[in-house]
Amino acid sequence: MEKILFALGSVAVFEGFFLAIAPGRIPKVLEMLSKLSNSELSRIGLIIMAIGVAILMVSGI
């Protein structure tokens, strides 16, 4: 349970960080993402997930 809370907290910090430092960029990024096809979005999601798994494996969590 501690690891799940740690993960959720980490995601919240990460998301909040980008909203805090670049609030004007969020609408532009969302607009860009809305132009991508579903297969492109899925591919991006899988790549991000793989990077996250690699980070977790390296960090030993």
Protein backbone atom coordinates (compact mmCIF):
# COMPACT_ATOMS: atom_id res chain seq x y z
CA MET A 1 0.00 0.00 0.00
CA GLU A 2 2.89 2.35 0.75
CA LYS A 3 4.24 1.91 -2.77
CA ILE A 4 0.88 2.70 -4.33
CA LEU A 5 0.60 5.88 -2.28
CA PHE A 6 4.18 6.76 -3.18
CA ALA A 7 3.40 6.27 -6.86
CA LEU A 8 0.23 8.36 -6.72
CA GLY A 9 2.03 11.09 -4.83
CA SER A 10 4.88 11.08 -7.34
CA VAL A 11 2.46 11.44 -10.24
CA ALA A 12 0.70 14.32 -8.49
CA VAL A 13 4.01 16.11 -7.88
CA PHE A 14 5.11 15.54 -11.48
CA GLU A 15 1.84 16.81 -12.95
CA GLY A 16 1.68 19.77 -10.59
CA PHE A 17 5.26 20.73 -11.36
CA PHE A 18 4.55 21.17 -15.06
CA LEU A 19 1.31 23.03 -14.42
CA ALA A 20 3.15 25.38 -12.07
CA ILE A 21 6.12 26.18 -14.32
CA ALA A 22 4.41 26.27 -17.72
CA PRO A 23 0.66 26.82 -17.41
CA GLY A 24 0.45 28.46 -20.84
CA ARG A 25 1.94 25.44 -22.58
CA ILE A 26 -0.71 22.96 -21.37
CA PRO A 27 -3.44 24.06 -23.84
CA LYS A 28 -0.91 23.96 -26.70
CA VAL A 29 0.19 20.44 -25.78
CA LEU A 30 -3.42 19.29 -25.48
CA GLU A 31 -4.21 20.78 -28.88
CA MET A 32 -1.23 18.98 -30.40
CA LEU A 33 -2.27 15.68 -28.79
CA SER A 34 -5.83 16.06 -30.08
CA LYS A 35 -4.49 16.04 -33.64
CA LEU A 36 -2.82 12.63 -33.22
CA SER A 37 -4.54 9.41 -34.21
CA ASN A 38 -5.56 6.81 -31.66
CA SER A 39 -2.76 4.49 -32.75
CA GLU A 40 -0.18 7.26 -32.34
CA LEU A 41 -1.52 8.07 -28.87
CA SER A 42 -1.40 4.39 -27.92
CA ARG A 43 2.20 4.13 -29.13
CA ILE A 44 3.19 7.21 -27.12
CA GLY A 45 1.45 5.79 -24.04
CA LEU A 46 3.26 2.46 -24.38
CA ILE A 47 6.62 4.19 -24.75
CA ILE A 48 5.98 6.31 -21.65
CA MET A 49 4.89 3.21 -19.71
CA ALA A 50 8.05 1.36 -20.77
CA ILE A 51 10.20 4.28 -19.63
CA GLY A 52 8.35 4.31 -16.29
CA VAL A 53 8.86 0.56 -15.81
CA ALA A 54 12.56 0.94 -16.62
CA ILE A 55 12.90 3.74 -14.07
CA LEU A 56 11.15 1.64 -11.43
CA MET A 57 13.38 -1.34 -12.17
CA VAL A 58 16.53 0.76 -11.92
CA SER A 59 15.40 2.42 -8.71
CA GLY A 60 14.60 -0.93 -7.11
CA ILE A 61 11.00 -0.13 -6.19
